[in-house]
Amino acid sequence: MQRTYPQGVPSWIDTEQPDVDAAIEFYGGIFGWTFQDVMPPDAPGRYLIARLDGQDVGGMAGTQKSAAAWNTYIAVDDADASSARLLAAGAKLESPPADAGEGGRGAVLSDPEGAEFRIWQARRRMGSQVANVPGAWNFSDLHTSDSGAAIAFYGEAFGWQVDDLGFGKLIRRPGYGDHLEATIDPGIRARQANVATPSGFEDAIAWIADAAPNEPPRWHVSFTVADRDKTVADAERLGATVLGQSDDYWTRSALIRDPQGAVFTASQFTPPSS
């Protein structure tokens, strides 16, 4: 069964890299990814699917920009209608809806603060097929300088609800847990109860965090890892820069800038019961 994503749930991530071959070496080295180039041989650019144990994790594309970046896509039922609705809610259209072969149709927008995000109307490519296991996507976090304005925009745009848990602001898409339980994860609620997750965590889709000083609003990508310290050592060996590390109630994490400039978090899940 393919993993599917209801409208309003982040469904895909990809990275744009000036040197794709160098990025393949780096991310294959730290996460164990393999790659399949899905563009026709005569296409002007490259787009690769990153896989973990044969399942789609995310994508990688070439870019002419000077620095690399990670992008987050949010599932929609209709990219054209959703773009119009998002513009009415205050978003800016950066790239209009366009087909990506037979995979789907997407667009690039930015929220009222300027944080870029992408929308994805899935056809053949339903989204990330593996998540929340070592080497796979964990969450995308919205780094914002005005959480109230962000909550208002995304709540209107996608129906998101935000719970302030004290240690962080959790974004929920109501009904997502029901979707997971009915499709690929029938034991989600029982499993989460075993580690005392907050109420409603089965609907969790993202987090909101305060942007650091001088950090522009943006969507930030986190990956699950089995061993934070090993990932840090591997990343440094492969040319990355470790910008910081932290331990909290649930995770041991590291903020890493890859050799071409894309910043992401590596997060080891360490629940209190472990």
C-alpha atoms as a PDB file:
ATOM      1  CA  MET A   1       0.000   0.000   0.000  1.00  0.00           C
ATOM      2  CA  GLN A   2       1.316   3.425  -0.932  1.00  0.00           C
ATOM      3  CA  ARG A   3       1.499   6.059   1.756  1.00  0.00           C
ATOM      4  CA  THR A   4      -0.914   8.880   0.887  1.00  0.00           C
ATOM      5  CA  TYR A   5      -1.352  12.385   2.240  1.00  0.00           C
ATOM      6  CA  PRO A   6      -4.623  14.263   2.717  1.00  0.00           C
ATOM      7  CA  GLN A   7      -4.829  17.900   1.709  1.00  0.00           C
ATOM      8  CA  GLY A   8      -2.983  20.130   4.144  1.00  0.00           C
ATOM      9  CA  VAL A   9      -0.361  17.581   5.232  1.00  0.00           C
ATOM     10  CA  PRO A  10       3.320  18.056   4.336  1.00  0.00           C
ATOM     11  CA  SER A  11       3.987  15.252   1.871  1.00  0.00           C
ATOM     12  CA  TRP A  12       7.384  15.659   0.234  1.00  0.00           C
ATOM     13  CA  ILE A  13      10.778  17.248   0.614  1.00  0.00           C
ATOM     14  CA  ASP A  14      13.558  17.873  -1.824  1.00  0.00           C
ATOM     15  CA  THR A  15      16.864  19.671  -1.946  1.00  0.00           C
ATOM     16  CA  GLU A  16      18.349  21.877  -4.650  1.00  0.00           C
ATOM     17  CA  GLN A  17      22.115  21.491  -4.945  1.00  0.00           C
ATOM     18  CA  PRO A  18      24.649  23.256  -7.207  1.00  0.00           C
ATOM     19  CA  ASP A  19      26.711  20.038  -7.477  1.00  0.00           C
ATOM     20  CA  VAL A  20      24.316  17.086  -7.570  1.00  0.00           C
ATOM     21  CA  ASP A  21      27.014  14.424  -7.657  1.00  0.00           C
ATOM     22  CA  ALA A  22      28.686  15.864  -4.552  1.00  0.00           C
ATOM     23  CA  ALA A  23      25.310  15.964  -2.788  1.00  0.00           C
ATOM     24  CA  ILE A  24      24.674  12.324  -3.698  1.00  0.00           C
ATOM     25  CA  GLU A  25      27.960  11.378  -2.051  1.00  0.00           C
ATOM     26  CA  PHE A  26      27.168  13.379   1.092  1.00  0.00           C
ATOM     27  CA  TYR A  27      23.577  12.285   1.702  1.00  0.00           C
ATOM     28  CA  GLY A  28      24.230   8.728   0.632  1.00  0.00           C
ATOM     29  CA  GLY A  29      27.070   8.712   3.128  1.00  0.00           C
ATOM     30  CA  ILE A  30      25.178   9.982   6.155  1.00  0.00           C
ATOM     31  CA  PHE A  31      21.716   8.494   5.566  1.00  0.00           C
ATOM     32  CA  GLY A  32      22.378   5.439   3.397  1.00  0.00           C
ATOM     33  CA  TRP A  33      20.251   6.748   0.536  1.00  0.00           C
ATOM     34  CA  THR A  34      20.360   5.437  -2.995  1.00  0.00           C
ATOM     35  CA  PHE A  35      19.308   7.589  -5.932  1.00  0.00           C
ATOM     36  CA  GLN A  36      17.387   7.185  -9.170  1.00  0.00           C
ATOM     37  CA  ASP A  37      17.558   9.869 -11.865  1.00  0.00           C
ATOM     38  CA  VAL A  38      13.994  10.252 -13.130  1.00  0.00           C
ATOM     39  CA  MET A  39      14.568  12.911 -15.782  1.00  0.00           C
ATOM     40  CA  PRO A  40      14.804  11.972 -19.466  1.00  0.00           C
ATOM     41  CA  PRO A  41      18.396  11.820 -20.776  1.00  0.00           C
ATOM     42  CA  ASP A  42      17.854  14.900 -22.972  1.00  0.00           C
ATOM     43  CA  ALA A  43      16.267  16.993 -20.185  1.00  0.00           C
ATOM     44  CA  PRO A  44      18.028  20.286 -19.354  1.00  0.00           C
ATOM     45  CA  GLY A  45      18.221  19.527 -15.628  1.00  0.00           C
ATOM     46  CA  ARG A  46      18.415  16.636 -13.198  1.00  0.00           C
ATOM     47  CA  TYR A  47      15.916  15.363 -10.665  1.00  0.00           C
ATOM     48  CA  LEU A  48      16.657  12.317  -8.563  1.00  0.00           C
ATOM     49  CA  ILE A  49      14.541  10.342  -6.125  1.00  0.00           C
ATOM     50  CA  ALA A  50      16.338   9.509  -2.891  1.00  0.00           C
ATOM     51  CA  ARG A  51      15.406   6.103  -1.505  1.00  0.00           C
ATOM     52  CA  LEU A  52      15.942   4.291   1.770  1.00  0.00           C
ATOM     53  CA  ASP A  53      15.640   0.505   1.552  1.00  0.00           C
ATOM     54  CA  GLY A  54      13.846   0.946  -1.767  1.00  0.00           C
ATOM     55  CA  GLN A  55      11.261   3.458  -0.526  1.00  0.00           C
ATOM     56  CA  ASP A  56      11.041   7.107  -1.597  1.00  0.00           C
ATOM     57  CA  VAL A  57      12.363   9.574   0.987  1.00  0.00           C
ATOM     58  CA  GLY A  58      12.624  12.786  -1.013  1.00  0.00           C
ATOM     59  CA  GLY A  59      14.113  14.398  -4.071  1.00  0.00           C
ATOM     60  CA  MET A  60      17.279  16.112  -5.262  1.00  0.00           C
ATOM     61  CA  ALA A  61      17.576  18.641  -8.066  1.00  0.00           C
ATOM     62  CA  GLY A  62      20.301  20.717  -9.584  1.00  0.00           C
ATOM     63  CA  THR A  63      20.230  24.478  -9.176  1.00  0.00           C
ATOM     64  CA  GLN A  64      22.056  27.500 -10.541  1.00  0.00           C
ATOM     65  CA  LYS A  65      21.807  29.243  -7.188  1.00  0.00           C
ATOM     66  CA  SER A  66      24.984  29.774  -5.188  1.00  0.00           C
ATOM     67  CA  ALA A  67      23.806  27.811  -2.143  1.00  0.00           C
ATOM     68  CA  ALA A  68      21.798  24.666  -1.589  1.00  0.00           C
ATOM     69  CA  ALA A  69      18.467  24.509   0.245  1.00  0.00           C
ATOM     70  CA  TRP A  70      15.806  22.071   1.431  1.00  0.00           C
ATOM     71  CA  ASN A  71      12.160  22.526   0.349  1.00  0.00           C
ATOM     72  CA  THR A  72       8.910  21.334   1.943  1.00  0.00           C
ATOM     73  CA  TYR A  73       5.788  20.446  -0.065  1.00  0.00           C
ATOM     74  CA  ILE A  74       2.225  20.432   1.292  1.00  0.00           C
ATOM     75  CA  ALA A  75      -0.341  18.099  -0.240  1.00  0.00           C
ATOM     76  CA  VAL A  76      -3.338  19.625  -2.006  1.00  0.00           C
ATOM     77  CA  ASP A  77      -6.195  18.137  -4.006  1.00  0.00           C
ATOM     78  CA  ASP A  78      -5.997  20.764  -6.772  1.00  0.00           C
ATOM     79  CA  ALA A  79      -2.848  22.828  -7.263  1.00  0.00           C
ATOM     80  CA  ASP A  80      -4.559  25.533  -9.328  1.00  0.00           C
ATOM     81  CA  ALA A  81      -7.491  26.037  -6.966  1.00  0.00           C
ATOM     82  CA  SER A  82      -5.214  25.887  -3.934  1.00  0.00           C
ATOM     83  CA  SER A  83      -2.864  28.492  -5.407  1.00  0.00           C
ATOM     84  CA  ALA A  84      -5.769  30.875  -5.908  1.00  0.00           C
ATOM     85  CA  ARG A  85      -7.018  30.246  -2.377  1.00  0.00           C
ATOM     86  CA  LEU A  86      -3.551  30.754  -0.879  1.00  0.00           C
ATOM     87  CA  LEU A  87      -3.087  34.018  -2.764  1.00  0.00           C
ATOM     88  CA  ALA A  88      -6.395  35.245  -1.385  1.00  0.00           C
ATOM     89  CA  ALA A  89      -5.178  34.356   2.110  1.00  0.00           C
ATOM     90  CA  GLY A  90      -2.062  36.513   1.667  1.00  0.00           C
ATOM     91  CA  ALA A  91       0.526  34.233   0.049  1.00  0.00           C
ATOM     92  CA  LYS A  92       2.765  35.296  -2.828  1.00  0.00           C
ATOM     93  CA  LEU A  93       3.080  33.146  -5.945  1.00  0.00           C
ATOM     94  CA  GLU A  94       6.746  32.455  -6.718  1.00  0.00           C
ATOM     95  CA  SER A  95       6.203  29.904  -9.489  1.00  0.00           C
ATOM     96  CA  PRO A  96       2.781  29.127 -11.012  1.00  0.00           C
ATOM     97  CA  PRO A  97       1.217  25.650 -11.047  1.00  0.00           C
ATOM     98  CA  ALA A  98       2.932  23.327 -13.504  1.00  0.00           C
ATOM     99  CA  ASP A  99       2.996  19.624 -14.229  1.00  0.00           C
ATOM    100  CA  ALA A 100       6.005  17.583 -13.157  1.00  0.00           C
ATOM    101  CA  GLY A 101       5.678  14.891 -15.764  1.00  0.00           C
ATOM    102  CA  GLU A 102       3.206  12.219 -14.730  1.00  0.00           C
ATOM    103  CA  GLY A 103       4.194  12.544 -11.075  1.00  0.00           C
ATOM    104  CA  GLY A 104       1.906  15.410 -10.202  1.00  0.00           C
ATOM    105  CA  ARG A 105       1.346  19.148 -10.385  1.00  0.00           C
ATOM    106  CA  GLY A 106       2.890  21.711  -8.083  1.00  0.00           C
ATOM    107  CA  ALA A 107       3.538  25.371  -7.399  1.00  0.00           C
ATOM    108  CA  VAL A 108       5.915  27.475  -5.323  1.00  0.00           C
ATOM    109  CA  LEU A 109       4.578  30.119  -2.938  1.00  0.00           C
ATOM    110  CA  SER A 110       5.736  32.126   0.022  1.00  0.00           C
ATOM    111  CA  ASP A 111       3.707  32.959   3.096  1.00  0.00           C
ATOM    112  CA  PRO A 112       3.049  36.574   4.186  1.00  0.00           C
ATOM    113  CA  GLU A 113       6.359  36.642   6.102  1.00  0.00           C
ATOM    114  CA  GLY A 114       8.312  35.375   3.106  1.00  0.00           C
ATOM    115  CA  ALA A 115       8.838  31.729   4.091  1.00  0.00           C
ATOM    116  CA  GLU A 116       8.811  29.708   0.872  1.00  0.00           C
ATOM    117  CA  PHE A 117       6.772  26.513   0.654  1.00  0.00           C
ATOM    118  CA  ARG A 118       5.520  24.331  -2.162  1.00  0.00           C
ATOM    119  CA  ILE A 119       2.240  22.593  -2.842  1.00  0.00           C
ATOM    120  CA  TRP A 120       1.872  19.199  -4.480  1.00  0.00           C
ATOM    121  CA  GLN A 121      -1.109  17.658  -6.217  1.00  0.00           C
ATOM    122  CA  ALA A 122      -0.072  14.014  -6.379  1.00  0.00           C
ATOM    123  CA  ARG A 123      -0.695  11.783  -9.364  1.00  0.00           C
ATOM    124  CA  ARG A 124       1.822   8.970  -9.725  1.00  0.00           C
ATOM    125  CA  ARG A 125       4.139  10.253  -6.983  1.00  0.00           C
ATOM    126  CA  MET A 126       2.128  10.248  -3.786  1.00  0.00           C
ATOM    127  CA  GLY A 127       4.838  11.692  -1.531  1.00  0.00           C
ATOM    128  CA  SER A 128       7.444  10.334   0.859  1.00  0.00           C
ATOM    129  CA  GLN A 129       6.866   6.632   1.354  1.00  0.00           C
ATOM    130  CA  VAL A 130       8.988   6.250   4.468  1.00  0.00           C
ATOM    131  CA  ALA A 131       9.207   8.643   7.404  1.00  0.00           C
ATOM    132  CA  ASN A 132      10.169   8.764  11.070  1.00  0.00           C
ATOM    133  CA  VAL A 133      12.734   5.971  10.835  1.00  0.00           C
ATOM    134  CA  PRO A 134      16.519   6.457  10.870  1.00  0.00           C
ATOM    135  CA  GLY A 135      17.620   8.025   7.603  1.00  0.00           C
ATOM    136  CA  ALA A 136      14.163   9.369   6.715  1.00  0.00           C
ATOM    137  CA  TRP A 137      12.249  12.627   7.025  1.00  0.00           C
ATOM    138  CA  ASN A 138      11.004  13.359  10.518  1.00  0.00           C
ATOM    139  CA  PHE A 139       9.239  16.749  10.462  1.00  0.00           C
ATOM    140  CA  SER A 140       9.421  20.101   8.743  1.00  0.00           C
ATOM    141  CA  ASP A 141       9.390  23.078  11.112  1.00  0.00           C
ATOM    142  CA  LEU A 142       8.258  26.613  10.336  1.00  0.00           C
ATOM    143  CA  HIS A 143      10.795  29.110  11.658  1.00  0.00           C
ATOM    144  CA  THR A 144       8.964  32.406  12.012  1.00  0.00           C
ATOM    145  CA  SER A 145       9.406  35.808  13.612  1.00  0.00           C
ATOM    146  CA  ASP A 146       5.645  36.192  14.167  1.00  0.00           C
ATOM    147  CA  SER A 147       4.034  32.936  15.282  1.00  0.00           C
ATOM    148  CA  GLY A 148       0.624  34.561  15.719  1.00  0.00           C
ATOM    149  CA  ALA A 149       0.522  35.760  12.125  1.00  0.00           C
ATOM    150  CA  ALA A 150       1.833  32.415  10.889  1.00  0.00           C
ATOM    151  CA  ILE A 151      -0.801  30.487  12.822  1.00  0.00           C
ATOM    152  CA  ALA A 152      -3.519  32.723  11.407  1.00  0.00           C
ATOM    153  CA  PHE A 153      -2.323  32.313   7.817  1.00  0.00           C
ATOM    154  CA  TYR A 154      -1.764  28.573   7.801  1.00  0.00           C
ATOM    155  CA  GLY A 155      -4.913  27.972   9.808  1.00  0.00           C
ATOM    156  CA  GLU A 156      -6.952  29.732   7.144  1.00  0.00           C
ATOM    157  CA  ALA A 157      -4.960  28.223   4.289  1.00  0.00           C
ATOM    158  CA  PHE A 158      -4.901  24.563   5.374  1.00  0.00           C
ATOM    159  CA  GLY A 159      -7.117  24.206   8.441  1.00  0.00           C
ATOM    160  CA  TRP A 160      -4.164  23.658  10.745  1.00  0.00           C
ATOM    161  CA  GLN A 161      -4.483  23.854  14.518  1.00  0.00           C
ATOM    162  CA  VAL A 162      -1.610  24.717  16.841  1.00  0.00           C
ATOM    163  CA  ASP A 163      -1.103  23.438  20.382  1.00  0.00           C
ATOM    164  CA  ASP A 164       1.361  25.257  22.647  1.00  0.00           C
ATOM    165  CA  LEU A 165       2.953  22.398  24.591  1.00  0.00           C
ATOM    166  CA  GLY A 166       5.279  24.624  26.564  1.00  0.00           C
ATOM    167  CA  PHE A 167       8.431  23.150  25.043  1.00  0.00           C
ATOM    168  CA  GLY A 168       7.170  23.810  21.498  1.00  0.00           C
ATOM    169  CA  LYS A 169       4.221  24.695  19.298  1.00  0.00           C
ATOM    170  CA  LEU A 170       2.795  21.607  17.609  1.00  0.00           C
ATOM    171  CA  ILE A 171       0.927  21.908  14.295  1.00  0.00           C
ATOM    172  CA  ARG A 172      -1.900  19.409  13.832  1.00  0.00           C
ATOM    173  CA  ARG A 173      -4.039  18.676  10.822  1.00  0.00           C
ATOM    174  CA  PRO A 174      -7.260  17.326  12.407  1.00  0.00           C
ATOM    175  CA  GLY A 175      -8.172  13.926  11.019  1.00  0.00           C
ATOM    176  CA  TYR A 176      -4.678  12.960   9.902  1.00  0.00           C
ATOM    177  CA  GLY A 177      -4.368  10.356  12.640  1.00  0.00           C
ATOM    178  CA  ASP A 178      -7.617   8.773  11.460  1.00  0.00           C
ATOM    179  CA  HIS A 179      -6.203   8.653   7.928  1.00  0.00           C
ATOM    180  CA  LEU A 180      -2.983   6.984   9.114  1.00  0.00           C
ATOM    181  CA  GLU A 181      -4.885   4.510  11.268  1.00  0.00           C
ATOM    182  CA  ALA A 182      -7.117   3.547   8.337  1.00  0.00           C
ATOM    183  CA  THR A 183      -4.245   3.166   5.868  1.00  0.00           C
ATOM    184  CA  ILE A 184      -0.614   2.432   6.740  1.00  0.00           C
ATOM    185  CA  ASP A 185      -0.436   2.704  10.536  1.00  0.00           C
ATOM    186  CA  PRO A 186      -3.336   0.974  12.336  1.00  0.00           C
ATOM    187  CA  GLY A 187      -1.458   0.921  15.637  1.00  0.00           C
ATOM    188  CA  ILE A 188      -0.469   4.585  15.742  1.00  0.00           C
ATOM    189  CA  ARG A 189      -2.501   5.565  18.789  1.00  0.00           C
ATOM    190  CA  ALA A 190      -1.481   2.563  20.874  1.00  0.00           C
ATOM    191  CA  ARG A 191       2.176   3.024  19.989  1.00  0.00           C
ATOM    192  CA  GLN A 192       2.142   6.710  20.846  1.00  0.00           C
ATOM    193  CA  ALA A 193       0.360   6.010  24.131  1.00  0.00           C
ATOM    194  CA  ASN A 194       3.268   3.755  25.123  1.00  0.00           C
ATOM    195  CA  VAL A 195       5.647   6.728  25.080  1.00  0.00           C
ATOM    196  CA  ALA A 196       3.171   9.207  26.594  1.00  0.00           C
ATOM    197  CA  THR A 197       2.958  11.568  23.631  1.00  0.00           C
ATOM    198  CA  PRO A 198       0.802  14.686  24.035  1.00  0.00           C
ATOM    199  CA  SER A 199      -2.916  14.409  23.355  1.00  0.00           C
ATOM    200  CA  GLY A 200      -3.697  14.671  19.633  1.00  0.00           C
ATOM    201  CA  PHE A 201      -0.166  13.805  18.573  1.00  0.00           C
ATOM    202  CA  GLU A 202      -1.501  11.350  15.985  1.00  0.00           C
ATOM    203  CA  ASP A 203      -2.539  14.442  13.980  1.00  0.00           C
ATOM    204  CA  ALA A 204       0.929  16.039  14.253  1.00  0.00           C
ATOM    205  CA  ILE A 205       2.348  17.292  10.960  1.00  0.00           C
ATOM    206  CA  ALA A 206       4.906  20.000  11.837  1.00  0.00           C
ATOM    207  CA  TRP A 207       6.201  22.416  14.469  1.00  0.00           C
ATOM    208  CA  ILE A 208       6.439  26.183  14.725  1.00  0.00           C
ATOM    209  CA  ALA A 209       9.631  27.642  16.182  1.00  0.00           C
ATOM    210  CA  ASP A 210      10.912  31.164  16.724  1.00  0.00           C
ATOM    211  CA  ALA A 211      13.408  32.181  14.076  1.00  0.00           C
ATOM    212  CA  ALA A 212      16.923  32.772  15.337  1.00  0.00           C
ATOM    213  CA  PRO A 213      18.295  36.333  15.318  1.00  0.00           C
ATOM    214  CA  ASN A 214      18.917  37.416  11.715  1.00  0.00           C
ATOM    215  CA  GLU A 215      17.323  34.192  10.406  1.00  0.00           C
ATOM    216  CA  PRO A 216      14.739  34.838   7.682  1.00  0.00           C
ATOM    217  CA  PRO A 217      11.399  33.031   8.038  1.00  0.00           C
ATOM    218  CA  ARG A 218      11.672  29.620   6.402  1.00  0.00           C
ATOM    219  CA  TRP A 219      10.626  25.995   6.438  1.00  0.00           C
ATOM    220  CA  HIS A 220      13.303  23.815   8.025  1.00  0.00           C
ATOM    221  CA  VAL A 221      13.669  20.045   7.507  1.00  0.00           C
ATOM    222  CA  SER A 222      14.547  17.459  10.187  1.00  0.00           C
ATOM    223  CA  PHE A 223      15.631  13.853   9.697  1.00  0.00           C
ATOM    224  CA  THR A 224      15.445  10.935  12.108  1.00  0.00           C
ATOM    225  CA  VAL A 225      18.747   9.281  12.958  1.00  0.00           C
ATOM    226  CA  ALA A 226      19.603   6.277  15.113  1.00  0.00           C
ATOM    227  CA  ASP A 227      22.658   7.887  16.711  1.00  0.00           C
ATOM    228  CA  ARG A 228      23.083  11.660  16.761  1.00  0.00           C
ATOM    229  CA  ASP A 229      26.772  11.525  17.615  1.00  0.00           C
ATOM    230  CA  LYS A 230      27.591   9.082  14.796  1.00  0.00           C
ATOM    231  CA  THR A 231      25.659  11.230  12.328  1.00  0.00           C
ATOM    232  CA  VAL A 232      27.598  14.301  13.470  1.00  0.00           C
ATOM    233  CA  ALA A 233      30.901  12.469  13.007  1.00  0.00           C
ATOM    234  CA  ASP A 234      29.876  11.200   9.566  1.00  0.00           C
ATOM    235  CA  ALA A 235      28.657  14.643   8.494  1.00  0.00           C
ATOM    236  CA  GLU A 236      31.897  16.322   9.517  1.00  0.00           C
ATOM    237  CA  ARG A 237      33.959  13.613   7.815  1.00  0.00           C
ATOM    238  CA  LEU A 238      32.013  14.250   4.602  1.00  0.00           C
ATOM    239  CA  GLY A 239      32.567  18.008   4.707  1.00  0.00           C
ATOM    240  CA  ALA A 240      29.561  19.384   6.588  1.00  0.00           C
ATOM    241  CA  THR A 241      29.596  21.954   9.387  1.00  0.00           C
ATOM    242  CA  VAL A 242      27.861  21.212  12.690  1.00  0.00           C
ATOM    243  CA  LEU A 243      26.214  24.455  13.784  1.00  0.00           C
ATOM    244  CA  GLY A 244      24.955  23.242  17.146  1.00  0.00           C
ATOM    245  CA  GLN A 245      23.789  20.308  19.250  1.00  0.00           C
ATOM    246  CA  SER A 246      21.112  19.969  21.919  1.00  0.00           C
ATOM    247  CA  ASP A 247      19.536  17.357  24.196  1.00  0.00           C
ATOM    248  CA  ASP A 248      15.976  17.701  25.446  1.00  0.00           C
ATOM    249  CA  TYR A 249      13.183  15.616  26.961  1.00  0.00           C
ATOM    250  CA  TRP A 250      12.442  13.764  23.702  1.00  0.00           C
ATOM    251  CA  THR A 251      15.442  14.084  21.393  1.00  0.00           C
ATOM    252  CA  ARG A 252      19.180  14.448  20.913  1.00  0.00           C
ATOM    253  CA  SER A 253      19.641  16.670  17.890  1.00  0.00           C
ATOM    254  CA  ALA A 254      22.234  18.442  15.787  1.00  0.00           C
ATOM    255  CA  LEU A 255      21.921  21.367  13.398  1.00  0.00           C
ATOM    256  CA  ILE A 256      24.021  20.645  10.326  1.00  0.00           C
ATOM    257  CA  ARG A 257      24.960  22.665   7.243  1.00  0.00           C
ATOM    258  CA  ASP A 258      25.788  20.387   4.334  1.00  0.00           C
ATOM    259  CA  PRO A 259      28.918  21.025   2.223  1.00  0.00           C
ATOM    260  CA  GLN A 260      26.948  23.181  -0.252  1.00  0.00           C
ATOM    261  CA  GLY A 261      25.016  25.223   2.295  1.00  0.00           C
ATOM    262  CA  ALA A 262      21.677  23.499   2.963  1.00  0.00           C
ATOM    263  CA  VAL A 263      20.833  23.425   6.669  1.00  0.00           C
ATOM    264  CA  PHE A 264      18.898  20.588   8.311  1.00  0.00           C
ATOM    265  CA  THR A 265      18.461  18.904  11.680  1.00  0.00           C
ATOM    266  CA  ALA A 266      19.422  15.339  12.565  1.00  0.00           C
ATOM    267  CA  SER A 267      17.204  14.115  15.423  1.00  0.00           C
ATOM    268  CA  GLN A 268      17.615  10.995  17.550  1.00  0.00           C
ATOM    269  CA  PHE A 269      14.359  10.045  19.314  1.00  0.00           C
ATOM    270  CA  THR A 270      15.030   9.397  23.017  1.00  0.00           C
ATOM    271  CA  PRO A 271      11.626   9.120  24.736  1.00  0.00           C
ATOM    272  CA  PRO A 272      11.520   9.247  28.538  1.00  0.00           C
ATOM    273  CA  SER A 273      10.663   5.550  28.764  1.00  0.00           C
ATOM    274  CA  SER A 274      13.775   4.436  26.903  1.00  0.00           C
END
